[in-house]
Amino acid sequence: MAIEVADKKEKKEFFKSLRKRARKRRNPFSIMFELTYCCNFRCFHCYLPGSRREEKELSTKQVFSILEQLKDMGVYNIGFTGGEALLRKDIFEILNYANRCGFKYGLLTNGYLIDEEAAKRLKQANVNKVDITFNALNPEIFDAATQVKGSFKRVKNAVEILNNKKIQVAIKSTCMSINKNELFSVSRYARRLGIPYRIDGEILPCRSGYKECADKFSLNAKEIYAIRRRVYPEMFENKNGSRSRPRRKKNRLFNCGVGLASFSLNPYGRMNLCLEIDYPGYNVLSEGVSACWEKMKRDVDNLNNAGEFVCSDCDLRRYCGWCPGRSFMETGKFSNCSDYFRARAKERKLMAKRRNESYG
């Protein structure tokens, strides 16, 4: 039975308390489930091209079994993603099954395959939210990113169909050199429709470690700050928009929900820390989801207690968005410093100093 909460603020606080309790008890609360690595787009900035695809992807029956196990473990929220999840012929069977299990679930998609009929079926399946990547309002720039001619028209149409059908839809963009002048226009488009919009400041390297596109098209911290200031002016209503507390904790390697209340599953039935890396890859088909989760918690505890946490006394900690997963991709170790995040932190520190001086 769905939980009814009086108003938006109360609902937000209620689910925040649920998430906090799950983290404290170390029960999985929110997970990401990659249903396929197949995709109809060829986005040059995608982090998946290096992922292995030689294994057989999960069958419908296997997905159902995993969902039952997740329900028994008390998982509340699932994000279904890919590749492009809508390419699976059984996608609506899976979504309807997730709905019957009582999950709050969302679908992360490129939107290309959503028409009136697909939107109708999504509504019938009680999808909580549809997340669509939307990198530009200029059709040529949009199609250049997806490398599929006509993709802009199809995706824009999908966003508006979902919105018209009162299905919660959100759009997101990745900050890149080819679309940096488009993001303010995209944000205005989202505001006109009354839908959420967010930007990701980082282009992830491929899971294989290949990062030429990330290096070539990434923006620096100053450029990203300027974009955020235009896109989210309400975030900068105080003097300088600077953070009042460190971005990282001293005593924990992972600042996210990894090992506390979250994990990811790939299309082959492997459990990983998150979507960004193929690690540790525990086989939930042979071991069961619960047993793999217990192993993962022990792994995370061992990593947190490794005694090699380089961030503890770093003077850039206040400005750093360092991710151990990114370090693992760059250096093969979770606890090493990331050249990428260190460079960004230095830029943020310098920017904060200049802003403080200007207001001094």
Protein backbone atom coordinates (compact mmCIF):
# COMPACT_ATOMS: atom_id res chain seq x y z
CA MET A 1 0.00 0.00 0.00
CA ALA A 2 1.35 3.43 -0.93
CA ILE A 3 2.31 5.76 1.90
CA GLU A 4 0.23 8.95 1.90
CA VAL A 5 1.93 12.07 3.27
CA ALA A 6 0.08 15.36 3.73
CA ASP A 7 2.17 17.92 1.84
CA LYS A 8 5.37 18.25 -0.15
CA LYS A 9 7.51 19.46 2.78
CA GLU A 10 6.20 16.80 5.12
CA LYS A 11 6.74 14.15 2.46
CA LYS A 12 10.34 15.25 1.95
CA GLU A 13 11.07 15.13 5.66
CA PHE A 14 9.36 11.77 6.04
CA PHE A 15 11.43 10.08 3.33
CA LYS A 16 14.56 11.79 4.62
CA SER A 17 13.94 10.16 8.00
CA LEU A 18 13.42 6.77 6.32
CA ARG A 19 16.70 7.13 4.46
CA LYS A 20 18.53 8.20 7.62
CA ARG A 21 17.19 5.20 9.54
CA ALA A 22 18.20 2.83 6.72
CA ARG A 23 21.76 4.22 6.73
CA LYS A 24 21.99 3.90 10.49
CA ARG A 25 20.84 0.28 10.35
CA ARG A 26 22.82 -0.37 7.17
CA ASN A 27 19.81 -1.66 5.32
CA PRO A 28 19.69 -1.12 1.56
CA PHE A 29 17.22 1.69 0.86
CA SER A 30 17.87 2.89 -2.69
CA ILE A 31 19.56 0.93 -5.47
CA MET A 32 20.33 1.34 -9.16
CA PHE A 33 19.51 -1.53 -11.52
CA GLU A 34 21.08 -1.59 -14.99
CA LEU A 35 18.77 -3.72 -17.12
CA THR A 36 20.82 -3.71 -20.33
CA TYR A 37 23.96 -2.25 -21.87
CA CYS A 38 22.33 -2.03 -25.32
CA CYS A 39 21.65 1.52 -26.47
CA ASN A 40 20.25 3.25 -29.54
CA PHE A 41 22.43 6.34 -28.99
CA ARG A 42 26.19 6.61 -29.44
CA CYS A 43 26.92 9.47 -27.03
CA PHE A 44 30.66 10.17 -27.13
CA HIS A 45 30.69 11.18 -23.45
CA CYS A 46 29.01 7.97 -22.16
CA TYR A 47 30.88 6.09 -19.42
CA LEU A 48 29.60 2.68 -20.61
CA PRO A 49 31.39 1.98 -23.94
CA GLY A 50 34.24 0.23 -22.15
CA SER A 51 31.89 -2.10 -20.24
CA ARG A 52 31.98 -5.76 -21.13
CA ARG A 53 29.00 -6.99 -23.14
CA GLU A 54 29.90 -10.58 -23.87
CA GLU A 55 27.76 -12.09 -21.10
CA LYS A 56 24.11 -13.03 -21.39
CA GLU A 57 21.87 -10.42 -19.79
CA LEU A 58 19.37 -11.30 -17.10
CA SER A 59 16.16 -13.03 -18.18
CA THR A 60 12.73 -11.76 -17.17
CA LYS A 61 12.43 -14.55 -14.61
CA GLN A 62 15.84 -13.70 -13.10
CA VAL A 63 14.94 -10.00 -12.84
CA PHE A 64 11.68 -10.93 -11.07
CA SER A 65 13.60 -13.13 -8.61
CA ILE A 66 16.01 -10.30 -7.82
CA LEU A 67 13.12 -7.88 -7.29
CA GLU A 68 11.53 -10.31 -4.83
CA GLN A 69 14.79 -10.51 -2.90
CA LEU A 70 15.12 -6.73 -2.84
CA LYS A 71 11.55 -6.48 -1.51
CA ASP A 72 12.35 -8.98 1.26
CA MET A 73 15.42 -6.90 2.20
CA GLY A 74 13.30 -3.77 2.58
CA VAL A 75 14.63 -1.84 -0.43
CA TYR A 76 12.35 1.13 -0.98
CA ASN A 77 13.57 2.91 -4.12
CA ILE A 78 14.90 1.52 -7.42
CA GLY A 79 16.28 3.41 -10.39
CA PHE A 80 16.06 1.35 -13.59
CA THR A 81 18.64 2.36 -16.17
CA GLY A 82 20.89 1.06 -18.96
CA GLY A 83 22.18 1.42 -21.64
CA GLU A 84 18.66 2.18 -22.76
CA ALA A 85 16.25 0.21 -20.59
CA LEU A 86 13.34 0.69 -22.99
CA LEU A 87 15.13 -1.48 -25.56
CA ARG A 88 14.31 -4.54 -23.45
CA LYS A 89 11.26 -6.28 -24.91
CA ASP A 90 10.10 -7.16 -21.38
CA ILE A 91 10.59 -3.67 -19.91
CA PHE A 92 6.92 -3.09 -19.13
CA GLU A 93 6.63 -6.54 -17.56
CA ILE A 94 9.54 -5.59 -15.30
CA LEU A 95 8.11 -2.18 -14.41
CA ASN A 96 4.68 -3.62 -13.66
CA TYR A 97 6.27 -6.29 -11.49
CA ALA A 98 8.25 -3.64 -9.60
CA ASN A 99 5.02 -1.75 -9.06
CA ARG A 100 3.28 -4.85 -7.69
CA CYS A 101 6.21 -5.37 -5.31
CA GLY A 102 5.50 -1.92 -3.89
CA PHE A 103 8.72 -0.19 -4.89
CA LYS A 104 8.97 3.51 -5.52
CA TYR A 105 10.85 3.41 -8.80
CA GLY A 106 12.14 5.67 -11.52
CA LEU A 107 13.28 5.16 -15.09
CA LEU A 108 16.46 6.72 -16.46
CA THR A 109 16.19 6.88 -20.24
CA ASN A 110 17.29 8.85 -23.28
CA GLY A 111 13.60 9.28 -24.15
CA TYR A 112 13.91 8.37 -27.82
CA LEU A 113 11.43 5.48 -27.63
CA ILE A 114 8.75 7.28 -25.62
CA ASP A 115 5.65 8.06 -27.64
CA GLU A 116 1.99 8.36 -26.64
CA GLU A 117 1.57 4.61 -26.24
CA ALA A 118 4.78 4.14 -24.22
CA ALA A 119 3.84 7.05 -21.96
CA LYS A 120 0.40 5.51 -21.41
CA ARG A 121 2.00 2.22 -20.36
CA LEU A 122 4.44 4.02 -18.05
CA LYS A 123 1.53 5.73 -16.35
CA GLN A 124 -0.29 2.42 -15.98
CA ALA A 125 2.85 0.95 -14.41
CA ASN A 126 2.81 3.78 -11.83
CA VAL A 127 6.34 5.01 -12.60
CA ASN A 128 7.36 7.56 -9.98
CA LYS A 129 9.67 9.61 -12.21
CA VAL A 130 11.21 9.51 -15.66
CA ASP A 131 14.71 11.01 -15.92
CA ILE A 132 15.77 12.08 -19.42
CA THR A 133 19.14 13.33 -20.62
CA PHE A 134 18.71 16.62 -22.47
CA ASN A 135 21.99 18.26 -23.42
CA ALA A 136 20.90 21.14 -25.68
CA LEU A 137 17.99 23.06 -27.17
CA ASN A 138 19.87 23.48 -30.43
CA PRO A 139 18.94 20.40 -32.53
CA GLU A 140 22.34 20.23 -34.21
CA ILE A 141 24.25 20.26 -30.92
CA PHE A 142 21.84 17.77 -29.37
CA ASP A 143 22.18 15.36 -32.31
CA ALA A 144 25.96 15.82 -32.34
CA ALA A 145 26.12 14.59 -28.74
CA THR A 146 23.90 11.55 -29.34
CA GLN A 147 25.29 10.91 -32.85
CA VAL A 148 21.75 10.08 -33.95
CA LYS A 149 20.10 12.37 -36.50
CA GLY A 150 16.64 13.51 -35.46
CA SER A 151 17.13 12.55 -31.81
CA PHE A 152 16.39 16.09 -30.56
CA LYS A 153 12.88 16.14 -32.01
CA ARG A 154 12.05 12.68 -30.64
CA VAL A 155 13.40 13.37 -27.14
CA LYS A 156 11.82 16.82 -26.83
CA ASN A 157 8.51 15.30 -27.89
CA ALA A 158 8.91 12.60 -25.22
CA VAL A 159 9.50 15.17 -22.48
CA GLU A 160 6.37 17.08 -23.44
CA ILE A 161 4.20 13.96 -23.82
CA LEU A 162 5.15 12.80 -20.32
CA ASN A 163 4.58 16.25 -18.86
CA ASN A 164 1.18 16.53 -20.53
CA LYS A 165 0.18 13.15 -19.11
CA LYS A 166 1.10 14.34 -15.60
CA ILE A 167 3.93 11.84 -15.31
CA GLN A 168 6.76 13.33 -13.28
CA VAL A 169 9.58 13.96 -15.71
CA ALA A 170 12.96 15.54 -15.02
CA ILE A 171 15.71 16.48 -17.45
CA LYS A 172 19.46 16.65 -16.92
CA SER A 173 22.50 17.84 -18.83
CA THR A 174 26.20 17.11 -18.70
CA CYS A 175 28.41 20.22 -18.77
CA MET A 176 30.64 19.94 -21.83
CA SER A 177 32.55 22.29 -24.07
CA ILE A 178 30.12 21.63 -26.96
CA ASN A 179 26.97 22.55 -24.99
CA LYS A 180 28.14 25.02 -22.34
CA ASN A 181 26.31 27.87 -24.07
CA GLU A 182 23.11 25.83 -24.25
CA LEU A 183 22.53 25.00 -20.60
CA PHE A 184 20.89 28.25 -19.53
CA SER A 185 18.40 27.89 -22.39
CA VAL A 186 17.68 24.31 -21.34
CA SER A 187 17.09 25.49 -17.76
CA ARG A 188 14.61 28.12 -18.99
CA TYR A 189 12.86 25.45 -21.05
CA ALA A 190 12.52 23.27 -17.94
CA ARG A 191 11.17 26.18 -15.90
CA ARG A 192 8.59 26.93 -18.59
CA LEU A 193 7.38 23.35 -18.41
CA GLY A 194 7.55 23.36 -14.61
CA ILE A 195 9.81 20.30 -14.44
CA PRO A 196 13.02 19.65 -12.45
CA TYR A 197 16.36 20.25 -14.14
CA ARG A 198 19.89 19.47 -13.03
CA ILE A 199 23.35 19.67 -14.49
CA ASP A 200 26.25 17.29 -13.98
CA GLY A 201 29.57 19.09 -13.90
CA GLU A 202 31.69 16.03 -14.56
CA ILE A 203 32.16 13.85 -17.63
CA LEU A 204 32.91 10.37 -16.34
CA PRO A 205 35.69 8.34 -17.91
CA CYS A 206 34.68 4.97 -19.31
CA ARG A 207 34.68 2.12 -16.83
CA SER A 208 37.58 0.60 -18.76
CA GLY A 209 39.68 3.62 -17.73
CA TYR A 210 39.55 5.26 -21.16
CA LYS A 211 39.15 8.99 -20.53
CA GLU A 212 40.12 10.82 -23.71
CA CYS A 213 36.60 12.27 -24.17
CA ALA A 214 36.44 13.31 -20.53
CA ASP A 215 39.77 15.12 -20.86
CA LYS A 216 38.84 16.71 -24.18
CA PHE A 217 35.33 18.00 -23.42
CA SER A 218 35.35 18.68 -19.64
CA LEU A 219 34.96 22.23 -18.33
CA ASN A 220 37.06 23.78 -15.59
CA ALA A 221 35.67 24.74 -12.19
CA LYS A 222 35.31 28.41 -13.11
CA GLU A 223 33.21 27.59 -16.17
CA ILE A 224 31.00 25.18 -14.20
CA TYR A 225 30.55 27.74 -11.41
CA ALA A 226 29.44 30.38 -13.93
CA ILE A 227 26.95 27.96 -15.47
CA ARG A 228 25.53 26.94 -12.08
CA ARG A 229 25.18 30.58 -11.11
CA ARG A 230 23.05 31.28 -14.19
CA VAL A 231 21.09 28.04 -14.09
CA TYR A 232 20.44 28.01 -10.32
CA PRO A 233 20.40 31.69 -9.22
CA GLU A 234 18.47 30.77 -6.06
CA MET A 235 21.52 28.84 -4.84
CA PHE A 236 23.56 32.04 -4.74
CA GLU A 237 21.31 34.36 -2.79
CA ASN A 238 23.83 34.65 0.05
CA LYS A 239 27.01 36.75 -0.29
CA ASN A 240 29.12 34.51 -2.41
CA GLY A 241 27.56 31.09 -2.63
CA SER A 242 30.57 29.55 -0.85
CA ARG A 243 30.21 26.41 1.23
CA SER A 244 30.18 26.79 4.98
CA ARG A 245 31.49 23.36 5.79
CA PRO A 246 33.91 20.80 4.34
CA ARG A 247 32.66 18.79 1.38
CA ARG A 248 34.27 15.63 2.83
CA LYS A 249 34.31 13.86 6.18
CA LYS A 250 37.67 13.04 7.68
CA ASN A 251 36.96 9.56 8.96
CA ARG A 252 35.16 7.91 6.05
CA LEU A 253 36.48 7.00 2.62
CA PHE A 254 33.00 6.89 1.06
CA ASN A 255 30.86 9.96 1.75
CA CYS A 256 27.91 8.56 -0.20
CA GLY A 257 25.54 5.72 0.72
CA VAL A 258 27.88 2.95 -0.49
CA GLY A 259 27.98 0.18 2.10
CA LEU A 260 25.34 1.96 4.16
CA ALA A 261 22.13 1.96 2.16
CA SER A 262 22.91 1.66 -1.56
CA PHE A 263 24.50 -0.46 -4.28
CA SER A 264 24.04 -1.13 -7.98
CA LEU A 265 23.21 -4.20 -10.03
CA ASN A 266 24.36 -4.72 -13.60
CA PRO A 267 22.57 -6.56 -16.46
CA TYR A 268 24.44 -9.79 -15.69
CA GLY A 269 23.39 -10.05 -12.06
CA ARG A 270 26.57 -8.59 -10.54
CA MET A 271 26.47 -6.33 -7.48
CA ASN A 272 28.77 -3.30 -7.59
CA LEU A 273 29.44 -0.36 -5.30
CA CYS A 274 27.85 2.07 -7.76
CA LEU A 275 27.16 2.62 -11.46
CA GLU A 276 30.55 4.16 -12.15
CA ILE A 277 32.74 1.12 -11.59
CA ASP A 278 32.59 -2.65 -12.16
CA TYR A 279 33.60 -3.57 -8.62
CA PRO A 280 33.38 -5.91 -6.73
CA GLY A 281 31.01 -7.74 -9.09
CA TYR A 282 29.47 -10.21 -6.64
CA ASN A 283 27.20 -12.72 -8.37
CA VAL A 284 23.69 -12.36 -6.94
CA LEU A 285 22.40 -15.23 -9.11
CA SER A 286 24.59 -17.79 -7.39
CA GLU A 287 24.97 -16.21 -3.94
CA GLY A 288 21.74 -14.27 -3.45
CA VAL A 289 21.30 -10.52 -3.05
CA SER A 290 21.35 -10.50 0.76
CA ALA A 291 24.59 -12.51 1.03
CA CYS A 292 26.28 -10.24 -1.52
CA TRP A 293 25.15 -7.15 0.42
CA GLU A 294 26.69 -8.49 3.63
CA LYS A 295 29.98 -9.09 1.80
CA MET A 296 29.88 -5.59 0.35
CA LYS A 297 29.37 -4.02 3.77
CA ARG A 298 32.46 -5.84 5.06
CA ASP A 299 34.45 -4.69 2.02
CA VAL A 300 33.47 -1.06 2.59
CA ASP A 301 34.34 -1.30 6.29
CA ASN A 302 37.77 -2.67 5.42
CA LEU A 303 38.34 0.13 2.91
CA ASN A 304 37.23 2.78 5.42
CA ASN A 305 39.67 1.38 7.99
CA ALA A 306 42.60 0.95 5.62
CA GLY A 307 44.60 3.74 7.28
CA GLU A 308 45.62 5.23 3.93
CA PHE A 309 42.99 7.94 3.65
CA VAL A 310 44.89 10.80 2.02
CA CYS A 311 42.17 13.43 2.49
CA SER A 312 42.29 13.62 6.30
CA ASP A 313 44.73 16.54 6.58
CA CYS A 314 44.43 18.00 3.08
CA ASP A 315 43.91 21.77 2.97
CA LEU A 316 41.72 21.33 -0.11
CA ARG A 317 39.16 19.14 1.65
CA ARG A 318 36.68 22.00 2.01
CA TYR A 319 36.61 22.47 -1.76
CA CYS A 320 37.00 18.92 -3.00
CA GLY A 321 34.32 16.68 -4.46
CA TRP A 322 36.72 13.74 -4.60
CA CYS A 323 35.20 10.32 -5.28
CA PRO A 324 37.02 7.09 -4.37
CA GLY A 325 35.41 5.43 -7.39
CA ARG A 326 37.06 7.97 -9.70
CA SER A 327 40.38 7.35 -7.96
CA PHE A 328 39.93 3.62 -8.50
CA MET A 329 39.45 4.24 -12.23
CA GLU A 330 42.45 6.57 -12.40
CA THR A 331 44.94 4.76 -10.16
CA GLY A 332 43.58 1.31 -9.30
CA LYS A 333 43.19 2.24 -5.61
CA PHE A 334 40.22 3.76 -3.82
CA SER A 335 42.28 5.72 -1.32
CA ASN A 336 44.60 7.54 -3.73
CA CYS A 337 44.25 11.20 -4.59
CA SER A 338 42.60 11.92 -7.92
CA ASP A 339 44.44 14.34 -10.20
CA TYR A 340 41.10 15.43 -11.67
CA PHE A 341 39.45 16.31 -8.36
CA ARG A 342 42.61 17.86 -6.91
CA ALA A 343 42.85 20.24 -9.88
CA ARG A 344 39.15 21.14 -9.50
CA ALA A 345 39.57 21.71 -5.76
CA LYS A 346 42.51 24.09 -6.35
CA GLU A 347 40.37 26.05 -8.80
CA ARG A 348 37.49 26.25 -6.30
CA LYS A 349 39.82 27.39 -3.51
CA LEU A 350 41.21 30.19 -5.67
CA MET A 351 37.72 31.24 -6.75
CA ALA A 352 36.50 31.31 -3.15
CA LYS A 353 39.47 33.46 -2.12
CA ARG A 354 38.78 35.96 -4.89
CA ARG A 355 35.06 36.12 -4.03
CA ASN A 356 35.79 36.66 -0.35
CA GLU A 357 38.27 39.45 -1.20
CA SER A 358 35.70 41.13 -3.44
CA TYR A 359 33.17 41.14 -0.59
CA GLY A 360 35.76 42.09 2.02
